[in-house]
PDB file of N, CA and C in Angstrom:
ATOM      1  N   MET A   1      97.052 120.107 113.450  1.00  0.00           N
ATOM      2  CA  MET A   1      98.288 120.824 113.652  1.00  0.00           C
ATOM      3  C   MET A   1      99.407 119.812 113.902  1.00  0.00           C
ATOM      4  N   LYS A   2     100.607 120.186 113.529  1.00  0.00           N
ATOM      5  CA  LYS A   2     101.756 119.308 113.716  1.00  0.00           C
ATOM      6  C   LYS A   2     102.594 119.782 114.899  1.00  0.00           C
ATOM      7  N   TYR A   3     103.124 118.802 115.636  1.00  0.00           N
ATOM      8  CA  TYR A   3     103.952 119.061 116.807  1.00  0.00           C
ATOM      9  C   TYR A   3     105.187 118.164 116.733  1.00  0.00           C
ATOM     10  N   VAL A   4     106.342 118.762 116.962  1.00  0.00           N
ATOM     11  CA  VAL A   4     107.603 118.031 116.923  1.00  0.00           C
ATOM     12  C   VAL A   4     107.976 117.620 118.337  1.00  0.00           C
ATOM     13  N   ALA A   5     108.280 116.344 118.507  1.00  0.00           N
ATOM     14  CA  ALA A   5     108.792 115.838 119.779  1.00  0.00           C
ATOM     15  C   ALA A   5     110.258 115.475 119.575  1.00  0.00           C
ATOM     16  N   LEU A   6     111.140 116.183 120.277  1.00  0.00           N
ATOM     17  CA  LEU A   6     112.568 115.895 120.239  1.00  0.00           C
ATOM     18  C   LEU A   6     112.871 114.938 121.380  1.00  0.00           C
ATOM     19  N   LEU A   7     113.340 113.741 121.040  1.00  0.00           N
ATOM     20  CA  LEU A   7     113.589 112.683 122.017  1.00  0.00           C
ATOM     21  C   LEU A   7     115.092 112.483 122.174  1.00  0.00           C
ATOM     22  N   THR A   8     115.645 112.947 123.286  1.00  0.00           N
ATOM     23  CA  THR A   8     117.076 112.866 123.535  1.00  0.00           C
ATOM     24  C   THR A   8     117.374 111.670 124.432  1.00  0.00           C
ATOM     25  N   ILE A   9     118.286 110.818 123.980  1.00  0.00           N
ATOM     26  CA  ILE A   9     118.662 109.639 124.766  1.00  0.00           C
ATOM     27  C   ILE A   9     119.477 110.075 125.975  1.00  0.00           C
ATOM     28  N   ILE A  10     119.051 109.623 127.161  1.00  0.00           N
ATOM     29  CA  ILE A  10     119.794 109.901 128.385  1.00  0.00           C
ATOM     30  C   ILE A  10     120.329 108.625 129.031  1.00  0.00           C
ATOM     31  N   ASP A  11     119.851 107.471 128.569  1.00  0.00           N
ATOM     32  CA  ASP A  11     120.327 106.188 129.085  1.00  0.00           C
ATOM     33  C   ASP A  11     120.350 105.187 127.924  1.00  0.00           C
ATOM     34  N   GLN A  12     121.547 104.952 127.390  1.00  0.00           N
ATOM     35  CA  GLN A  12     121.690 104.071 126.217  1.00  0.00           C
ATOM     36  C   GLN A  12     121.210 102.650 126.497  1.00  0.00           C
ATOM     37  N   ASP A  13     121.487 102.119 127.677  1.00  0.00           N
ATOM     38  CA  ASP A  13     121.066 100.749 127.996  1.00  0.00           C
ATOM     39  C   ASP A  13     119.547 100.628 128.020  1.00  0.00           C
ATOM     40  N   LYS A  14     118.878 101.557 128.707  1.00  0.00           N
ATOM     41  CA  LYS A  14     117.410 101.549 128.725  1.00  0.00           C
ATOM     42  C   LYS A  14     116.861 101.761 127.321  1.00  0.00           C
ATOM     43  N   ASN A  15     117.507 102.616 126.541  1.00  0.00           N
ATOM     44  CA  ASN A  15     117.037 102.876 125.185  1.00  0.00           C
ATOM     45  C   ASN A  15     117.058 101.602 124.342  1.00  0.00           C
ATOM     46  N   LYS A  16     118.131 100.825 124.454  1.00  0.00           N
ATOM     47  CA  LYS A  16     118.225  99.570 123.696  1.00  0.00           C
ATOM     48  C   LYS A  16     117.112  98.606 124.087  1.00  0.00           C
ATOM     49  N   VAL A  17     116.813  98.553 125.369  1.00  0.00           N
ATOM     50  CA  VAL A  17     115.765  97.643 125.856  1.00  0.00           C
ATOM     51  C   VAL A  17     114.382  98.082 125.378  1.00  0.00           C
ATOM     52  N   HIS A  18     114.111  99.385 125.422  1.00  0.00           N
ATOM     53  CA  HIS A  18     112.754  99.886 125.173  1.00  0.00           C
ATOM     54  C   HIS A  18     112.519 100.404 123.758  1.00  0.00           C
ATOM     55  N   ARG A  19     113.547 100.407 122.924  1.00  0.00           N
ATOM     56  CA  ARG A  19     113.389 100.899 121.546  1.00  0.00           C
ATOM     57  C   ARG A  19     112.362 100.085 120.744  1.00  0.00           C
ATOM     58  N   PRO A  20     112.337  98.738 120.863  1.00  0.00           N
ATOM     59  CA  PRO A  20     111.293  98.006 120.119  1.00  0.00           C
ATOM     60  C   PRO A  20     109.873  98.442 120.499  1.00  0.00           C
ATOM     61  N   ALA A  21     109.631  98.682 121.769  1.00  0.00           N
ATOM     62  CA  ALA A  21     108.305  99.153 122.197  1.00  0.00           C
ATOM     63  C   ALA A  21     108.034 100.555 121.664  1.00  0.00           C
ATOM     64  N   HIS A  22     109.073 101.384 121.612  1.00  0.00           N
ATOM     65  CA  HIS A  22     108.954 102.729 121.031  1.00  0.00           C
ATOM     66  C   HIS A  22     108.535 102.636 119.565  1.00  0.00           C
ATOM     67  N   LEU A  23     109.201 101.758 118.812  1.00  0.00           N
ATOM     68  CA  LEU A  23     108.871 101.608 117.387  1.00  0.00           C
ATOM     69  C   LEU A  23     107.454 101.077 117.199  1.00  0.00           C
ATOM     70  N   ASP A  24     107.039 100.124 118.023  1.00  0.00           N
ATOM     71  CA  ASP A  24     105.661  99.627 117.969  1.00  0.00           C
ATOM     72  C   ASP A  24     104.674 100.761 118.257  1.00  0.00           C
ATOM     73  N   TYR A  25     105.004 101.585 119.247  1.00  0.00           N
ATOM     74  CA  TYR A  25     104.136 102.692 119.645  1.00  0.00           C
ATOM     75  C   TYR A  25     103.958 103.694 118.506  1.00  0.00           C
ATOM     76  N   VAL A  26     105.064 104.149 117.918  1.00  0.00           N
ATOM     77  CA  VAL A  26     104.930 105.150 116.854  1.00  0.00           C
ATOM     78  C   VAL A  26     104.295 104.548 115.599  1.00  0.00           C
ATOM     79  N   ASN A  27     104.534 103.266 115.326  1.00  0.00           N
ATOM     80  CA  ASN A  27     103.872 102.617 114.188  1.00  0.00           C
ATOM     81  C   ASN A  27     102.366 102.557 114.395  1.00  0.00           C
ATOM     82  N   ARG A  28     101.937 102.226 115.607  1.00  0.00           N
ATOM     83  CA  ARG A  28     100.502 102.178 115.903  1.00  0.00           C
ATOM     84  C   ARG A  28      99.883 103.563 115.733  1.00  0.00           C
ATOM     85  N   LEU A  29     100.562 104.591 116.260  1.00  0.00           N
ATOM     86  CA  LEU A  29     100.031 105.946 116.132  1.00  0.00           C
ATOM     87  C   LEU A  29     100.030 106.416 114.681  1.00  0.00           C
ATOM     88  N   TYR A  30     101.014 105.984 113.899  1.00  0.00           N
ATOM     89  CA  TYR A  30     101.034 106.315 112.469  1.00  0.00           C
ATOM     90  C   TYR A  30      99.785 105.744 111.790  1.00  0.00           C
ATOM     91  N   LYS A  31      99.475 104.494 112.085  1.00  0.00           N
ATOM     92  CA  LYS A  31      98.294 103.850 111.494  1.00  0.00           C
ATOM     93  C   LYS A  31      97.001 104.540 111.919  1.00  0.00           C
ATOM     94  N   GLU A  32      97.023 105.177 113.094  1.00  0.00           N
ATOM     95  CA  GLU A  32      95.852 105.909 113.590  1.00  0.00           C
ATOM     96  C   GLU A  32      95.804 107.345 113.077  1.00  0.00           C
ATOM     97  N   GLY A  33      96.810 107.748 112.301  1.00  0.00           N
ATOM     98  CA  GLY A  33      96.850 109.103 111.772  1.00  0.00           C
ATOM     99  C   GLY A  33      97.379 110.134 112.749  1.00  0.00           C
ATOM    100  N   LYS A  34      98.047 109.687 113.813  1.00  0.00           N
ATOM    101  CA  LYS A  34      98.564 110.597 114.835  1.00  0.00           C
ATOM    102  C   LYS A  34     100.048 110.902 114.663  1.00  0.00           C
ATOM    103  N   VAL A  35     100.751 110.197 113.765  1.00  0.00           N
ATOM    104  CA  VAL A  35     102.169 110.457 113.506  1.00  0.00           C
ATOM    105  C   VAL A  35     102.342 110.780 112.035  1.00  0.00           C
ATOM    106  N   PHE A  36     102.994 111.894 111.770  1.00  0.00           N
ATOM    107  CA  PHE A  36     103.274 112.353 110.409  1.00  0.00           C
ATOM    108  C   PHE A  36     104.607 111.809 109.903  1.00  0.00           C
ATOM    109  N   ALA A  37     105.627 111.838 110.763  1.00  0.00           N
ATOM    110  CA  ALA A  37     106.960 111.363 110.390  1.00  0.00           C
ATOM    111  C   ALA A  37     107.739 111.037 111.661  1.00  0.00           C
ATOM    112  N   VAL A  38     108.759 110.192 111.509  1.00  0.00           N
ATOM    113  CA  VAL A  38     109.580 109.771 112.638  1.00  0.00           C
ATOM    114  C   VAL A  38     110.953 109.366 112.129  1.00  0.00           C
ATOM    115  N   GLY A  39     111.966 109.567 112.942  1.00  0.00           N
ATOM    116  CA  GLY A  39     113.287 109.091 112.551  1.00  0.00           C
ATOM    117  C   GLY A  39     114.365 109.501 113.529  1.00  0.00           C
ATOM    118  N   PRO A  40     115.495 108.767 113.488  1.00  0.00           N
ATOM    119  CA  PRO A  40     116.614 109.056 114.389  1.00  0.00           C
ATOM    120  C   PRO A  40     117.497 110.169 113.838  1.00  0.00           C
ATOM    121  N   PHE A  41     118.230 110.812 114.744  1.00  0.00           N
ATOM    122  CA  PHE A  41     119.256 111.756 114.339  1.00  0.00           C
ATOM    123  C   PHE A  41     120.515 110.973 113.985  1.00  0.00           C
ATOM    124  N   THR A  42     121.281 111.452 113.031  1.00  0.00           N
ATOM    125  CA  THR A  42     122.455 110.730 112.563  1.00  0.00           C
ATOM    126  C   THR A  42     123.586 110.689 113.583  1.00  0.00           C
ATOM    127  N   ASP A  43     123.522 111.537 114.613  1.00  0.00           N
ATOM    128  CA  ASP A  43     124.571 111.523 115.637  1.00  0.00           C
ATOM    129  C   ASP A  43     124.342 110.447 116.702  1.00  0.00           C
ATOM    130  N   GLY A  44     123.227 109.707 116.606  1.00  0.00           N
ATOM    131  CA  GLY A  44     122.949 108.624 117.548  1.00  0.00           C
ATOM    132  C   GLY A  44     122.493 109.070 118.924  1.00  0.00           C
ATOM    133  N   LYS A  45     122.134 110.344 119.069  1.00  0.00           N
ATOM    134  CA  LYS A  45     121.771 110.863 120.383  1.00  0.00           C
ATOM    135  C   LYS A  45     120.273 110.988 120.618  1.00  0.00           C
ATOM    136  N   GLY A  46     119.485 110.455 119.687  1.00  0.00           N
ATOM    137  CA  GLY A  46     118.039 110.528 119.853  1.00  0.00           C
ATOM    138  C   GLY A  46     117.342 110.595 118.517  1.00  0.00           C
ATOM    139  N   GLY A  47     116.131 111.130 118.535  1.00  0.00           N
ATOM    140  CA  GLY A  47     115.355 111.206 117.310  1.00  0.00           C
ATOM    141  C   GLY A  47     114.204 112.179 117.455  1.00  0.00           C
ATOM    142  N   MET A  48     113.326 112.132 116.463  1.00  0.00           N
ATOM    143  CA  MET A  48     112.233 113.089 116.386  1.00  0.00           C
ATOM    144  C   MET A  48     110.972 112.383 115.905  1.00  0.00           C
ATOM    145  N   VAL A  49     109.854 112.763 116.479  1.00  0.00           N
ATOM    146  CA  VAL A  49     108.540 112.312 116.026  1.00  0.00           C
ATOM    147  C   VAL A  49     107.731 113.568 115.744  1.00  0.00           C
ATOM    148  N   ILE A  50     107.089 113.613 114.583  1.00  0.00           N
ATOM    149  CA  ILE A  50     106.165 114.715 114.290  1.00  0.00           C
ATOM    150  C   ILE A  50     104.755 114.160 114.432  1.00  0.00           C
ATOM    151  N   TYR A  51     104.071 114.670 115.445  1.00  0.00           N
ATOM    152  CA  TYR A  51     102.710 114.229 115.738  1.00  0.00           C
ATOM    153  C   TYR A  51     101.688 115.095 115.026  1.00  0.00           C
ATOM    154  N   GLU A  52     100.559 114.496 114.661  1.00  0.00           N
ATOM    155  CA  GLU A  52      99.355 115.189 114.200  1.00  0.00           C
ATOM    156  C   GLU A  52      98.410 115.188 115.386  1.00  0.00           C
ATOM    157  N   ALA A  53      98.116 116.364 115.937  1.00  0.00           N
ATOM    158  CA  ALA A  53      97.249 116.436 117.109  1.00  0.00           C
ATOM    159  C   ALA A  53      96.371 117.674 117.014  1.00  0.00           C
ATOM    160  N   ASN A  54      95.270 117.635 117.741  1.00  0.00           N
ATOM    161  CA  ASN A  54      94.341 118.767 117.740  1.00  0.00           C
ATOM    162  C   ASN A  54      94.825 119.908 118.619  1.00  0.00           C
ATOM    163  N   THR A  55      95.588 119.581 119.673  1.00  0.00           N
ATOM    164  CA  THR A  55      96.081 120.591 120.603  1.00  0.00           C
ATOM    165  C   THR A  55      97.497 120.245 121.039  1.00  0.00           C
ATOM    166  N   TYR A  56      98.175 121.260 121.584  1.00  0.00           N
ATOM    167  CA  TYR A  56      99.504 121.052 122.148  1.00  0.00           C
ATOM    168  C   TYR A  56      99.424 120.023 123.285  1.00  0.00           C
ATOM    169  N   GLU A  57      98.397 120.135 124.106  1.00  0.00           N
ATOM    170  CA  GLU A  57      98.244 119.223 125.244  1.00  0.00           C
ATOM    171  C   GLU A  57      98.120 117.781 124.788  1.00  0.00           C
ATOM    172  N   GLU A  58      97.368 117.551 123.713  1.00  0.00           N
ATOM    173  CA  GLU A  58      97.235 116.189 123.177  1.00  0.00           C
ATOM    174  C   GLU A  58      98.592 115.677 122.694  1.00  0.00           C
ATOM    175  N   ALA A  59      99.351 116.519 122.017  1.00  0.00           N
ATOM    176  CA  ALA A  59     100.677 116.121 121.535  1.00  0.00           C
ATOM    177  C   ALA A  59     101.604 115.775 122.694  1.00  0.00           C
ATOM    178  N   VAL A  60     101.543 116.548 123.763  1.00  0.00           N
ATOM    179  CA  VAL A  60     102.378 116.274 124.936  1.00  0.00           C
ATOM    180  C   VAL A  60     102.017 114.921 125.538  1.00  0.00           C
ATOM    181  N   VAL A  61     100.737 114.644 125.651  1.00  0.00           N
ATOM    182  CA  VAL A  61     100.300 113.348 126.196  1.00  0.00           C
ATOM    183  C   VAL A  61     100.818 112.211 125.318  1.00  0.00           C
ATOM    184  N   LEU A  62     100.679 112.339 124.000  1.00  0.00           N
ATOM    185  CA  LEU A  62     101.175 111.297 123.098  1.00  0.00           C
ATOM    186  C   LEU A  62     102.677 111.097 123.266  1.00  0.00           C
ATOM    187  N   ALA A  63     103.414 112.190 123.337  1.00  0.00           N
ATOM    188  CA  ALA A  63     104.874 112.106 123.463  1.00  0.00           C
ATOM    189  C   ALA A  63     105.282 111.514 124.810  1.00  0.00           C
ATOM    190  N   GLU A  64     104.602 111.911 125.864  1.00  0.00           N
ATOM    191  CA  GLU A  64     104.965 111.428 127.199  1.00  0.00           C
ATOM    192  C   GLU A  64     104.564 109.976 127.431  1.00  0.00           C
ATOM    193  N   GLN A  65     103.667 109.429 126.601  1.00  0.00           N
ATOM    194  CA  GLN A  65     103.287 108.027 126.720  1.00  0.00           C
ATOM    195  C   GLN A  65     104.199 107.098 125.916  1.00  0.00           C
ATOM    196  N   ASP A  66     105.145 107.657 125.182  1.00  0.00           N
ATOM    197  CA  ASP A  66     106.108 106.848 124.432  1.00  0.00           C
ATOM    198  C   ASP A  66     106.908 106.016 125.435  1.00  0.00           C
ATOM    199  N   PRO A  67     107.012 104.704 125.210  1.00  0.00           N
ATOM    200  CA  PRO A  67     107.722 103.843 126.167  1.00  0.00           C
ATOM    201  C   PRO A  67     109.142 104.288 126.510  1.00  0.00           C
ATOM    202  N   VAL A  68     109.879 104.868 125.561  1.00  0.00           N
ATOM    203  CA  VAL A  68     111.242 105.302 125.889  1.00  0.00           C
ATOM    204  C   VAL A  68     111.244 106.484 126.853  1.00  0.00           C
ATOM    205  N   VAL A  69     110.172 107.260 126.858  1.00  0.00           N
ATOM    206  CA  VAL A  69     110.038 108.372 127.804  1.00  0.00           C
ATOM    207  C   VAL A  69     109.560 107.836 129.150  1.00  0.00           C
ATOM    208  N   VAL A  70     108.529 107.007 129.122  1.00  0.00           N
ATOM    209  CA  VAL A  70     107.970 106.429 130.344  1.00  0.00           C
ATOM    210  C   VAL A  70     109.047 105.693 131.140  1.00  0.00           C
ATOM    211  N   GLU A  71     109.913 104.961 130.438  1.00  0.00           N
ATOM    212  CA  GLU A  71     110.933 104.141 131.100  1.00  0.00           C
ATOM    213  C   GLU A  71     112.224 104.893 131.413  1.00  0.00           C
ATOM    214  N   GLY A  72     112.281 106.194 131.116  1.00  0.00           N
ATOM    215  CA  GLY A  72     113.429 107.001 131.476  1.00  0.00           C
ATOM    216  C   GLY A  72     114.642 106.837 130.580  1.00  0.00           C
ATOM    217  N   ALA A  73     114.432 106.336 129.359  1.00  0.00           N
ATOM    218  CA  ALA A  73     115.536 106.197 128.411  1.00  0.00           C
ATOM    219  C   ALA A  73     115.805 107.496 127.667  1.00  0.00           C
ATOM    220  N   ARG A  74     114.763 108.303 127.500  1.00  0.00           N
ATOM    221  CA  ARG A  74     114.885 109.556 126.758  1.00  0.00           C
ATOM    222  C   ARG A  74     114.074 110.654 127.434  1.00  0.00           C
ATOM    223  N   THR A  75     114.526 111.882 127.236  1.00  0.00           N
ATOM    224  CA  THR A  75     113.723 113.040 127.608  1.00  0.00           C
ATOM    225  C   THR A  75     112.958 113.470 126.367  1.00  0.00           C
ATOM    226  N   VAL A  76     111.925 114.271 126.569  1.00  0.00           N
ATOM    227  CA  VAL A  76     111.143 114.743 125.429  1.00  0.00           C
ATOM    228  C   VAL A  76     110.859 116.231 125.565  1.00  0.00           C
ATOM    229  N   GLU A  77     110.956 116.923 124.428  1.00  0.00           N
ATOM    230  CA  GLU A  77     110.568 118.331 124.321  1.00  0.00           C
ATOM    231  C   GLU A  77     109.598 118.422 123.152  1.00  0.00           C
ATOM    232  N   VAL A  78     108.421 118.984 123.385  1.00  0.00           N
ATOM    233  CA  VAL A  78     107.398 119.095 122.348  1.00  0.00           C
ATOM    234  C   VAL A  78     107.250 120.560 121.953  1.00  0.00           C
ATOM    235  N   ARG A  79     107.246 120.778 120.625  1.00  0.00           N
ATOM    236  CA  ARG A  79     107.091 122.142 120.097  1.00  0.00           C
ATOM    237  C   ARG A  79     106.110 122.122 118.933  1.00  0.00           C
ATOM    238  N   GLU A  80     105.274 123.154 118.860  1.00  0.00           N
ATOM    239  CA  GLU A  80     104.344 123.290 117.734  1.00  0.00           C
ATOM    240  C   GLU A  80     105.150 123.628 116.486  1.00  0.00           C
ATOM    241  N   TRP A  81     104.757 123.025 115.364  1.00  0.00           N
ATOM    242  CA  TRP A  81     105.498 123.209 114.116  1.00  0.00           C
ATOM    243  C   TRP A  81     104.553 123.680 113.032  1.00  0.00           C
ATOM    244  N   ASN A  82     104.926 124.755 112.373  1.00  0.00           N
ATOM    245  CA  ASN A  82     104.148 125.306 111.282  1.00  0.00           C
ATOM    246  C   ASN A  82     104.806 124.907 109.960  1.00  0.00           C
ATOM    247  N   ALA A  83     104.345 123.824 109.372  1.00  0.00           N
ATOM    248  CA  ALA A  83     104.913 123.341 108.114  1.00  0.00           C
ATOM    249  C   ALA A  83     104.501 124.277 106.973  1.00  0.00           C
ATOM    250  N   LEU A  84     105.473 124.774 106.258  1.00  0.00           N
ATOM    251  CA  LEU A  84     105.210 125.660 105.137  1.00  0.00           C
ATOM    252  C   LEU A  84     105.036 124.828 103.858  1.00  0.00           C
ATOM    253  N   GLN A  85     104.226 125.320 102.956  1.00  0.00           N
ATOM    254  CA  GLN A  85     104.022 124.677 101.668  1.00  0.00           C
ATOM    255  C   GLN A  85     105.065 125.198 100.686  1.00  0.00           C
ATOM    256  N   LEU A  86     105.705 124.303  99.985  1.00  0.00           N
ATOM    257  CA  LEU A  86     106.698 124.690  98.990  1.00  0.00           C
ATOM    258  C   LEU A  86     106.098 124.551  97.602  1.00  0.00           C
ATOM    259  N   PRO A  87     106.455 125.318  96.634  1.00  0.00           N
ATOM    260  CA  PRO A  87     107.386 126.434  96.762  1.00  0.00           C
ATOM    261  C   PRO A  87     106.723 127.635  97.403  1.00  0.00           C
ATOM    262  N   MET A  88     107.524 128.421  98.111  1.00  0.00           N
ATOM    263  CA  MET A  88     107.023 129.644  98.743  1.00  0.00           C
ATOM    264  C   MET A  88     107.187 130.786  97.750  1.00  0.00           C
ATOM    265  N   GLU A  89     106.202 131.621  97.685  1.00  0.00           N
ATOM    266  CA  GLU A  89     106.244 132.747  96.757  1.00  0.00           C
ATOM    267  C   GLU A  89     106.398 134.058  97.496  1.00  0.00           C
TER     268      GLU A  89
END
């Protein structure tokens, strides 16, 4: 199942410091098959990670272990996402 983590920046200075660790973290999880997609929002206020997880609880743990969350640079909201197959009939 896929879960969307919305990561909102609350401290720009901390975010700049911890962003490299965040990128390393999501890259490692991508290689492990735990991240489907990742990217920043164009308004510069945060970004999104789509996790592949067996349960909502697992997705929350993955999102809360992100260094930018642990270090207080960003808040996180995790939501289950039902990806539809296109084209829809």
